[in-house]
Each structure stands twice: as structure tokens, then as C-alpha cells.
C-alpha atoms as a PDB file:
ATOM      1  CA  MET A   1      52.476 -21.356   2.199  1.00  0.00           C
ATOM      2  CA  ASN A   2      48.887 -21.230   2.479  1.00  0.00           C
ATOM      3  CA  THR A   3      47.410 -19.284  -0.586  1.00  0.00           C
ATOM      4  CA  SER A   4      43.685 -19.534   0.365  1.00  0.00           C
ATOM      5  CA  ALA A   5      44.614 -18.309   3.981  1.00  0.00           C
ATOM      6  CA  ALA A   6      46.670 -15.686   2.774  1.00  0.00           C
ATOM      7  CA  THR A   7      43.914 -13.873   0.653  1.00  0.00           C
ATOM      8  CA  GLN A   8      41.204 -13.262   2.655  1.00  0.00           C
ATOM      9  CA  GLU A   9      37.650 -13.359   1.410  1.00  0.00           C
ATOM     10  CA  LEU A  10      35.328  -9.860   1.791  1.00  0.00           C
ATOM     11  CA  LEU A  11      32.219 -11.208   0.715  1.00  0.00           C
ATOM     12  CA  VAL A  12      30.269 -13.878   2.980  1.00  0.00           C
ATOM     13  CA  ALA A  13      27.339 -16.120   2.789  1.00  0.00           C
ATOM     14  CA  GLY A  14      24.190 -13.602   2.861  1.00  0.00           C
ATOM     15  CA  ASP A  15      26.071 -11.053   0.814  1.00  0.00           C
ATOM     16  CA  PRO A  16      24.695 -10.379  -2.505  1.00  0.00           C
ATOM     17  CA  ALA A  17      26.356 -11.516  -5.655  1.00  0.00           C
ATOM     18  CA  PRO A  18      28.183  -8.135  -7.316  1.00  0.00           C
ATOM     19  CA  VAL A  19      26.011  -8.528 -10.294  1.00  0.00           C
ATOM     20  CA  GLU A  20      22.345  -9.043 -11.382  1.00  0.00           C
ATOM     21  CA  TRP A  21      21.456  -9.654 -14.896  1.00  0.00           C
ATOM     22  CA  VAL A  22      18.419  -8.835 -16.891  1.00  0.00           C
ATOM     23  CA  ASN A  23      16.999 -10.517 -19.863  1.00  0.00           C
ATOM     24  CA  ARG A  24      20.978 -12.129 -19.969  1.00  0.00           C
ATOM     25  CA  ASP A  25      20.228 -14.308 -23.400  1.00  0.00           C
ATOM     26  CA  SER A  26      19.133 -11.395 -25.123  1.00  0.00           C
ATOM     27  CA  ASP A  27      21.239 -10.422 -28.964  1.00  0.00           C
ATOM     28  CA  ALA A  28      19.368  -6.674 -28.734  1.00  0.00           C
ATOM     29  CA  LYS A  29      21.641  -4.338 -30.597  1.00  0.00           C
ATOM     30  CA  ILE A  30      21.699  -2.343 -27.228  1.00  0.00           C
ATOM     31  CA  ALA A  31      23.772  -3.260 -24.207  1.00  0.00           C
ATOM     32  CA  LEU A  32      22.643  -1.510 -20.958  1.00  0.00           C
ATOM     33  CA  LEU A  33      24.621  -0.953 -17.966  1.00  0.00           C
ATOM     34  CA  CYS A  34      24.052   0.701 -14.174  1.00  0.00           C
ATOM     35  CA  GLU A  35      27.234   0.516 -12.207  1.00  0.00           C
ATOM     36  CA  HIS A  36      25.594   2.444  -9.015  1.00  0.00           C
ATOM     37  CA  ALA A  37      22.707   0.654  -9.055  1.00  0.00           C
ATOM     38  CA  GLY A  38      22.618  -0.724  -5.450  1.00  0.00           C
ATOM     39  CA  ARG A  39      23.950   0.406  -1.977  1.00  0.00           C
ATOM     40  CA  ALA A  40      24.709  -2.846  -0.499  1.00  0.00           C
ATOM     41  CA  ILE A  41      27.704  -2.905   1.810  1.00  0.00           C
ATOM     42  CA  PRO A  42      29.664  -6.337   2.891  1.00  0.00           C
ATOM     43  CA  GLN A  43      29.115  -7.512   5.989  1.00  0.00           C
ATOM     44  CA  LYS A  44      32.235  -7.277   7.234  1.00  0.00           C
ATOM     45  CA  LEU A  45      32.335  -3.218   6.498  1.00  0.00           C
ATOM     46  CA  GLY A  46      29.756  -2.697   8.825  1.00  0.00           C
ATOM     47  CA  ASP A  47      27.961   0.558   7.816  1.00  0.00           C
ATOM     48  CA  LEU A  48      31.887   1.818   6.457  1.00  0.00           C
ATOM     49  CA  GLY A  49      31.178   4.333   9.830  1.00  0.00           C
ATOM     50  CA  VAL A  50      28.485   6.200   7.847  1.00  0.00           C
ATOM     51  CA  SER A  51      25.181   7.087   8.490  1.00  0.00           C
ATOM     52  CA  GLU A  52      21.976   5.551   6.861  1.00  0.00           C
ATOM     53  CA  GLU A  53      21.316   8.916   5.821  1.00  0.00           C
ATOM     54  CA  VAL A  54      24.220   9.043   3.984  1.00  0.00           C
ATOM     55  CA  GLN A  55      24.247   5.722   2.551  1.00  0.00           C
ATOM     56  CA  ALA A  56      21.065   6.317   0.987  1.00  0.00           C
ATOM     57  CA  SER A  57      21.668   9.486  -0.349  1.00  0.00           C
ATOM     58  CA  HIS A  58      23.655  10.292  -3.883  1.00  0.00           C
ATOM     59  CA  ARG A  59      26.818   9.575  -1.904  1.00  0.00           C
ATOM     60  CA  GLY A  60      26.315   5.884  -1.626  1.00  0.00           C
ATOM     61  CA  TRP A  61      24.318   5.107  -5.082  1.00  0.00           C
ATOM     62  CA  ASP A  62      22.525   6.574  -7.880  1.00  0.00           C
ATOM     63  CA  ILE A  63      18.865   7.315  -6.757  1.00  0.00           C
ATOM     64  CA  GLY A  64      16.509   6.070  -9.111  1.00  0.00           C
ATOM     65  CA  ALA A  65      19.077   4.783 -11.695  1.00  0.00           C
ATOM     66  CA  GLU A  66      18.420   0.996 -11.573  1.00  0.00           C
ATOM     67  CA  ALA A  67      14.501   1.554 -11.604  1.00  0.00           C
ATOM     68  CA  VAL A  68      14.722   3.593 -14.693  1.00  0.00           C
ATOM     69  CA  ALA A  69      17.677   0.865 -16.494  1.00  0.00           C
ATOM     70  CA  ARG A  70      15.134  -1.457 -15.746  1.00  0.00           C
ATOM     71  CA  GLN A  71      12.361  -0.481 -17.525  1.00  0.00           C
ATOM     72  CA  LEU A  72      14.569   0.718 -20.453  1.00  0.00           C
ATOM     73  CA  ALA A  73      15.834  -3.280 -20.489  1.00  0.00           C
ATOM     74  CA  ASP A  74      12.389  -4.057 -20.750  1.00  0.00           C
ATOM     75  CA  ARG A  75      10.801  -1.841 -23.434  1.00  0.00           C
ATOM     76  CA  LEU A  76      14.189  -2.937 -25.524  1.00  0.00           C
ATOM     77  CA  ARG A  77      14.372  -5.958 -24.714  1.00  0.00           C
ATOM     78  CA  ALA A  78      17.990  -5.479 -24.133  1.00  0.00           C
ATOM     79  CA  PRO A  79      20.298  -7.127 -21.854  1.00  0.00           C
ATOM     80  CA  LEU A  80      21.203  -5.413 -18.543  1.00  0.00           C
ATOM     81  CA  ILE A  81      23.513  -5.322 -16.084  1.00  0.00           C
ATOM     82  CA  LEU A  82      23.289  -4.025 -12.420  1.00  0.00           C
ATOM     83  CA  GLN A  83      26.073  -3.635  -9.799  1.00  0.00           C
ATOM     84  CA  ARG A  84      24.682  -4.166  -6.263  1.00  0.00           C
ATOM     85  CA  TYR A  85      27.342  -2.595  -4.082  1.00  0.00           C
ATOM     86  CA  SER A  86      27.663   0.810  -2.838  1.00  0.00           C
ATOM     87  CA  ARG A  87      29.804   3.695  -4.775  1.00  0.00           C
ATOM     88  CA  LEU A  88      31.211   3.752  -1.118  1.00  0.00           C
ATOM     89  CA  VAL A  89      32.609   0.479  -1.276  1.00  0.00           C
ATOM     90  CA  ILE A  90      33.848   0.703  -4.396  1.00  0.00           C
ATOM     91  CA  ASP A  91      32.929   2.925  -7.339  1.00  0.00           C
ATOM     92  CA  CYS A  92      32.877   0.296 -10.563  1.00  0.00           C
ATOM     93  CA  ASN A  93      32.628   3.433 -12.900  1.00  0.00           C
ATOM     94  CA  ARG A  94      36.508   4.422 -11.881  1.00  0.00           C
ATOM     95  CA  PRO A  95      39.904   2.874 -12.834  1.00  0.00           C
ATOM     96  CA  ILE A  96      41.135   0.950  -9.809  1.00  0.00           C
ATOM     97  CA  GLU A  97      44.092   3.405  -9.515  1.00  0.00           C
ATOM     98  CA  ALA A  98      41.601   6.507  -9.293  1.00  0.00           C
ATOM     99  CA  PRO A  99      41.859   8.064  -6.251  1.00  0.00           C
ATOM    100  CA  ASP A 100      37.957   8.010  -5.410  1.00  0.00           C
ATOM    101  CA  SER A 101      37.952   4.306  -6.739  1.00  0.00           C
ATOM    102  CA  ILE A 102      37.262   3.556  -2.987  1.00  0.00           C
ATOM    103  CA  PRO A 103      36.356   6.923  -1.786  1.00  0.00           C
ATOM    104  CA  PRO A 104      38.261   8.103   1.792  1.00  0.00           C
ATOM    105  CA  ASN A 105      35.465  11.064   0.624  1.00  0.00           C
ATOM    106  CA  SER A 106      32.481  11.539  -0.655  1.00  0.00           C
ATOM    107  CA  PHE A 107      30.718  15.215  -1.297  1.00  0.00           C
ATOM    108  CA  GLY A 108      32.473  16.558   2.070  1.00  0.00           C
ATOM    109  CA  GLU A 109      31.321  13.357   3.860  1.00  0.00           C
ATOM    110  CA  GLN A 110      34.264  11.176   5.875  1.00  0.00           C
ATOM    111  CA  ILE A 111      34.007   7.576   4.651  1.00  0.00           C
ATOM    112  CA  PRO A 112      35.907   6.352   7.950  1.00  0.00           C
ATOM    113  CA  ALA A 113      36.112   2.445   6.756  1.00  0.00           C
ATOM    114  CA  ASN A 114      38.198   3.675   3.725  1.00  0.00           C
ATOM    115  CA  GLN A 115      40.579   5.462   5.299  1.00  0.00           C
ATOM    116  CA  ASN A 116      44.282   3.987   5.637  1.00  0.00           C
ATOM    117  CA  LEU A 117      43.405   0.316   3.731  1.00  0.00           C
ATOM    118  CA  THR A 118      46.139  -1.632   2.984  1.00  0.00           C
ATOM    119  CA  ALA A 119      46.928  -3.399  -0.169  1.00  0.00           C
ATOM    120  CA  ALA A 120      45.263  -6.425   0.445  1.00  0.00           C
ATOM    121  CA  ASP A 121      41.988  -4.455   1.940  1.00  0.00           C
ATOM    122  CA  ARG A 122      41.857  -2.581  -1.693  1.00  0.00           C
ATOM    123  CA  ALA A 123      42.737  -6.172  -3.819  1.00  0.00           C
ATOM    124  CA  ALA A 124      39.596  -7.645  -2.146  1.00  0.00           C
ATOM    125  CA  ARG A 125      37.184  -4.974  -3.477  1.00  0.00           C
ATOM    126  CA  GLN A 126      38.769  -4.967  -6.495  1.00  0.00           C
ATOM    127  CA  ARG A 127      38.897  -8.859  -6.635  1.00  0.00           C
ATOM    128  CA  GLU A 128      35.238  -9.938  -5.491  1.00  0.00           C
ATOM    129  CA  ILE A 129      33.488  -6.611  -6.909  1.00  0.00           C
ATOM    130  CA  MET A 130      34.697  -4.948  -9.678  1.00  0.00           C
ATOM    131  CA  ALA A 131      36.407  -7.885 -11.486  1.00  0.00           C
ATOM    132  CA  PRO A 132      33.103 -10.009 -11.572  1.00  0.00           C
ATOM    133  CA  LEU A 133      31.542  -6.758 -13.218  1.00  0.00           C
ATOM    134  CA  ASN A 134      34.135  -6.440 -15.847  1.00  0.00           C
ATOM    135  CA  ALA A 135      34.152 -10.169 -16.725  1.00  0.00           C
ATOM    136  CA  ALA A 136      29.782  -9.788 -17.178  1.00  0.00           C
ATOM    137  CA  ILE A 137      30.484  -6.788 -19.350  1.00  0.00           C
ATOM    138  CA  GLU A 138      32.880  -8.320 -21.382  1.00  0.00           C
ATOM    139  CA  HIS A 139      30.475 -11.341 -21.600  1.00  0.00           C
ATOM    140  CA  MET A 140      27.298  -8.870 -22.702  1.00  0.00           C
ATOM    141  CA  LEU A 141      29.408  -7.195 -25.317  1.00  0.00           C
ATOM    142  CA  ASP A 142      30.708 -10.457 -26.582  1.00  0.00           C
ATOM    143  CA  ARG A 143      27.858 -12.745 -26.794  1.00  0.00           C
ATOM    144  CA  ALA A 144      26.147 -10.913 -29.672  1.00  0.00           C
ATOM    145  CA  PRO A 145      26.895  -8.005 -32.413  1.00  0.00           C
ATOM    146  CA  ARG A 146      26.146  -5.032 -29.875  1.00  0.00           C
ATOM    147  CA  VAL A 147      26.488  -1.784 -31.641  1.00  0.00           C
ATOM    148  CA  LEU A 148      25.226   0.597 -29.405  1.00  0.00           C
ATOM    149  CA  ALA A 149      26.380   0.904 -25.045  1.00  0.00           C
ATOM    150  CA  VAL A 150      24.433   2.872 -22.685  1.00  0.00           C
ATOM    151  CA  SER A 151      25.001   3.167 -18.809  1.00  0.00           C
ATOM    152  CA  ILE A 152      22.730   5.132 -16.545  1.00  0.00           C
ATOM    153  CA  HIS A 153      23.132   7.101 -13.716  1.00  0.00           C
ATOM    154  CA  SER A 154      22.027  10.129 -11.961  1.00  0.00           C
ATOM    155  CA  PHE A 155      23.136  13.224 -10.565  1.00  0.00           C
ATOM    156  CA  ALA A 156      21.795  15.623  -7.299  1.00  0.00           C
ATOM    157  CA  ALA A 157      20.150  18.775  -8.390  1.00  0.00           C
ATOM    158  CA  GLN A 158      22.229  21.018  -5.633  1.00  0.00           C
ATOM    159  CA  VAL A 159      26.105  20.649  -4.755  1.00  0.00           C
ATOM    160  CA  ASP A 160      27.727  22.219  -2.209  1.00  0.00           C
ATOM    161  CA  GLY A 161      24.725  24.740  -2.815  1.00  0.00           C
ATOM    162  CA  GLU A 162      25.066  25.281  -6.536  1.00  0.00           C
ATOM    163  CA  ALA A 163      21.899  24.081  -8.689  1.00  0.00           C
ATOM    164  CA  ARG A 164      22.671  21.829 -11.460  1.00  0.00           C
ATOM    165  CA  PRO A 165      19.716  23.165 -14.077  1.00  0.00           C
ATOM    166  CA  TRP A 166      19.876  20.215 -16.305  1.00  0.00           C
ATOM    167  CA  HIS A 167      17.112  17.536 -16.209  1.00  0.00           C
ATOM    168  CA  ALA A 168      19.735  15.147 -18.360  1.00  0.00           C
ATOM    169  CA  GLY A 169      23.018  14.958 -19.448  1.00  0.00           C
ATOM    170  CA  PHE A 170      24.595  12.543 -22.377  1.00  0.00           C
ATOM    171  CA  LEU A 171      28.010  12.167 -21.692  1.00  0.00           C
ATOM    172  CA  THR A 172      31.301  10.878 -24.315  1.00  0.00           C
ATOM    173  CA  ARG A 173      34.382  11.997 -25.075  1.00  0.00           C
ATOM    174  CA  VAL A 174      34.347  10.897 -28.888  1.00  0.00           C
ATOM    175  CA  ASP A 175      30.761   9.517 -29.832  1.00  0.00           C
ATOM    176  CA  HIS A 176      28.968  13.063 -29.670  1.00  0.00           C
ATOM    177  CA  LYS A 177      26.604  12.268 -32.347  1.00  0.00           C
ATOM    178  CA  THR A 178      24.561   9.488 -30.399  1.00  0.00           C
ATOM    179  CA  GLY A 179      24.009  12.099 -27.185  1.00  0.00           C
ATOM    180  CA  GLN A 180      23.198  14.900 -29.083  1.00  0.00           C
ATOM    181  CA  THR A 181      20.814  12.437 -31.425  1.00  0.00           C
ATOM    182  CA  ALA A 182      18.989  11.168 -28.046  1.00  0.00           C
ATOM    183  CA  ILE A 183      18.798  15.142 -26.731  1.00  0.00           C
ATOM    184  CA  ASP A 184      17.166  15.919 -30.098  1.00  0.00           C
ATOM    185  CA  HIS A 185      14.609  13.102 -30.061  1.00  0.00           C
ATOM    186  CA  ILE A 186      13.922  13.771 -26.269  1.00  0.00           C
ATOM    187  CA  SER A 187      13.310  17.623 -27.248  1.00  0.00           C
ATOM    188  CA  ALA A 188      11.210  17.074 -30.068  1.00  0.00           C
ATOM    189  CA  LEU A 189       9.149  14.987 -27.230  1.00  0.00           C
ATOM    190  CA  ARG A 190       9.411  17.231 -24.574  1.00  0.00           C
ATOM    191  CA  PRO A 191      10.729  20.772 -25.583  1.00  0.00           C
ATOM    192  CA  ASP A 192      10.452  22.202 -22.036  1.00  0.00           C
ATOM    193  CA  LEU A 193      13.289  19.488 -20.956  1.00  0.00           C
ATOM    194  CA  HIS A 194      16.995  21.356 -20.392  1.00  0.00           C
ATOM    195  CA  MET A 195      19.365  18.632 -21.437  1.00  0.00           C
ATOM    196  CA  ALA A 196      23.101  19.123 -22.672  1.00  0.00           C
ATOM    197  CA  LEU A 197      25.856  17.016 -23.801  1.00  0.00           C
ATOM    198  CA  ASN A 198      28.742  16.637 -21.062  1.00  0.00           C
ATOM    199  CA  GLN A 199      27.229  18.024 -18.248  1.00  0.00           C
ATOM    200  CA  PRO A 200      27.152  17.851 -15.138  1.00  0.00           C
ATOM    201  CA  TYR A 201      30.370  15.740 -15.779  1.00  0.00           C
ATOM    202  CA  GLN A 202      32.962  14.949 -18.369  1.00  0.00           C
ATOM    203  CA  ILE A 203      34.561  11.617 -19.195  1.00  0.00           C
ATOM    204  CA  ASP A 204      38.267  11.312 -18.805  1.00  0.00           C
ATOM    205  CA  SER A 205      40.587   7.845 -18.406  1.00  0.00           C
ATOM    206  CA  GLU A 206      41.339   8.899 -14.974  1.00  0.00           C
ATOM    207  CA  SER A 207      37.778   9.442 -13.620  1.00  0.00           C
ATOM    208  CA  ASP A 208      36.131   7.008 -15.646  1.00  0.00           C
ATOM    209  CA  TRP A 209      36.097   3.424 -17.054  1.00  0.00           C
ATOM    210  CA  PHE A 210      32.966   2.035 -18.670  1.00  0.00           C
ATOM    211  CA  ILE A 211      33.240   4.308 -21.910  1.00  0.00           C
ATOM    212  CA  PRO A 212      37.492   4.538 -21.945  1.00  0.00           C
ATOM    213  CA  ARG A 213      37.679   0.756 -20.974  1.00  0.00           C
ATOM    214  CA  PHE A 214      34.792  -0.978 -23.093  1.00  0.00           C
ATOM    215  CA  ALA A 215      33.225   1.335 -25.438  1.00  0.00           C
ATOM    216  CA  GLU A 216      35.534   3.353 -26.917  1.00  0.00           C
ATOM    217  CA  PRO A 217      38.086   0.554 -27.839  1.00  0.00           C
ATOM    218  CA  ARG A 218      35.316  -1.728 -29.462  1.00  0.00           C
ATOM    219  CA  GLY A 219      34.206   1.289 -31.884  1.00  0.00           C
ATOM    220  CA  LEU A 220      30.368   1.016 -30.145  1.00  0.00           C
ATOM    221  CA  ALA A 221      27.846   3.950 -30.292  1.00  0.00           C
ATOM    222  CA  HIS A 222      27.905   4.847 -26.885  1.00  0.00           C
ATOM    223  CA  SER A 223      26.614   7.107 -24.287  1.00  0.00           C
ATOM    224  CA  LEU A 224      26.641   7.716 -20.670  1.00  0.00           C
ATOM    225  CA  VAL A 225      23.341   8.777 -19.404  1.00  0.00           C
ATOM    226  CA  GLU A 226      23.195  11.124 -16.552  1.00  0.00           C
ATOM    227  CA  ILE A 227      18.933  11.920 -15.033  1.00  0.00           C
ATOM    228  CA  ARG A 228      18.807  14.437 -11.992  1.00  0.00           C
ATOM    229  CA  ASN A 229      17.695  12.449  -9.389  1.00  0.00           C
ATOM    230  CA  ASP A 230      14.916  14.426  -8.251  1.00  0.00           C
ATOM    231  CA  LEU A 231      13.015  13.728 -11.499  1.00  0.00           C
ATOM    232  CA  ILE A 232      13.067   9.885 -10.770  1.00  0.00           C
ATOM    233  CA  ARG A 233      12.507   9.425  -7.320  1.00  0.00           C
ATOM    234  CA  ASP A 234       8.707   8.490  -7.946  1.00  0.00           C
ATOM    235  CA  ALA A 235       7.176   5.587 -10.435  1.00  0.00           C
ATOM    236  CA  LYS A 236       5.985   8.666 -12.542  1.00  0.00           C
ATOM    237  CA  GLY A 237       9.243   9.899 -13.274  1.00  0.00           C
ATOM    238  CA  VAL A 238      10.819   6.906 -13.525  1.00  0.00           C
ATOM    239  CA  GLU A 239       8.183   5.516 -16.139  1.00  0.00           C
ATOM    240  CA  ASP A 240       8.486   8.976 -18.207  1.00  0.00           C
ATOM    241  CA  TRP A 241      12.172   8.760 -18.601  1.00  0.00           C
ATOM    242  CA  ALA A 242      12.149   5.408 -19.090  1.00  0.00           C
ATOM    243  CA  GLN A 243       9.874   6.098 -22.140  1.00  0.00           C
ATOM    244  CA  LEU A 244      11.589   9.230 -23.016  1.00  0.00           C
ATOM    245  CA  LEU A 245      15.065   7.292 -23.635  1.00  0.00           C
ATOM    246  CA  ALA A 246      13.540   3.950 -25.107  1.00  0.00           C
ATOM    247  CA  GLU A 247      12.261   6.105 -27.849  1.00  0.00           C
ATOM    248  CA  ALA A 248      15.448   8.163 -28.358  1.00  0.00           C
ATOM    249  CA  PHE A 249      17.385   5.015 -28.465  1.00  0.00           C
ATOM    250  CA  THR A 250      15.214   3.222 -30.890  1.00  0.00           C
ATOM    251  CA  ARG A 251      15.714   5.713 -33.120  1.00  0.00           C
ATOM    252  CA  ILE A 252      19.071   5.496 -33.098  1.00  0.00           C
ATOM    253  CA  LEU A 253      19.288   1.726 -33.508  1.00  0.00           C
ATOM    254  CA  GLU A 254      17.077   2.158 -36.425  1.00  0.00           C
ATOM    255  CA  THR A 255      19.666   3.970 -38.214  1.00  0.00           C
ATOM    256  CA  LYS A 256      22.667   1.124 -37.443  1.00  0.00           C
ATOM    257  CA  THR A 257      20.662  -1.889 -38.520  1.00  0.00           C
END
């Protein structure tokens, strides 16, 4: 049997690599990740059957998260991994067995190209997009003695007509101290901001990947940061949040060295 013929490739020439590094060789104590940085779609999948409006919305990627993560990495001189493909292709912060790992719908929007997938279809997305990201994360955490792992995300200000009042959330299951310390530092600088632990989402093993799979088992201090995306749609907002997070995580690192 011709194994190479049986295993069809998803990504072809012209498709971006799934992983982009920033400061790859940095030995900083903090490691940064942005799983929903990109909105690329493999050429073989066309437009997934959804409009440009859907692709560009929070359904397709975390608006503003990449820009904040890049500036944060620059300020902290820290390693950063960016994942380039749309979360509609495969959500790289989900276990592969999760129902929304390759979402058949997103916030009420059907994704035609994700309906009735074969096992081979799913395996190709996992093998060519998620597996390289996982390998990169392992490399980043193994390369130097990291003590803090942070993932940068963003969320929509309103979903299904319900407003989300938080400006940012710091998500965790076990390391409440890191998130609360970050909130305390930022609040001292910006008392006008409304922040909370585990809002607007909560972390669990069934629907999350980075913290349960990588940060917790290594005993790393950690937080998944969620910033409301209307606050980071322009350069000023991105700069403000990158600076606030840089100051908060610098303070946290000072207590661990």
C-alpha cells in the first residue's frame, strides 16, 4: 500500500506555515502564546462556505490578540508563538476530541465545510495544523526554565444580545494567584477597568487545551488572558493593553526570581 497516497495533504504550496515564532531564542522566564492569532484558511478548503464578514469576526479569530501579543513579547523580550489558521479550520485551544475542535457552527453561524467530515479530514487538520503548534509549545517550554506561561485571547463585547461588561478576564483552574495579582496591579494603574477571574469563560479539560495540557502539568504559574476586542481594535488600545500586561507580568516575574 502506498502510504503517502493514502494520507492526503491539506496544506499546499502558498499556504502559510501554521506556526510563527517571535523571539524564538529568548531565555525569558515568561512564555507567550496566541492560539487564535490568524484567520488563514487552507486553499483546499476555499472559504469554508462562509462569508468574509464571518471570517473577519470573532468567530474566525481573536480580534486584536495577535497585535497585543506581539507588543507584549517585544516589551518583555519573551518568546511568542502565533498560530496562523482560523479557529474555524481547527480550534487549537481545544482537545481534538472536543465537539467544537473543528466547529460545525460558531455563535449560531453554520460552517458548511465542517459538516460531515470524515476521519481522514479531521486527521489532516490535526496533523498539519495542531500537531506543529503542540510541538512548538513543547519546544518553547523545554528550551529554557520558564516560570510563567501566558496565552493571549480576545472576546466579543456582546453575544446573543447579552452585553459582557468586563474589560478583561484572567482565566485559570488552579492558579488563581497569578490572575488575581495581574488584576490587582492593573487596577492600581487603571481603577476604571472592570476585570475578573474566569470571565467571560471558565477553563476545563473538556473545552480547553493549553492550560490543562501544558501549563498545569509543568507546575507553571499561568493565565489565559481575555481582552474585550472592542478595546484593542486600534493601535492605541493595543499599545495600552500591551503596556498594562507587561507591567503586571513583570511584577509577577519579580516575585519568582
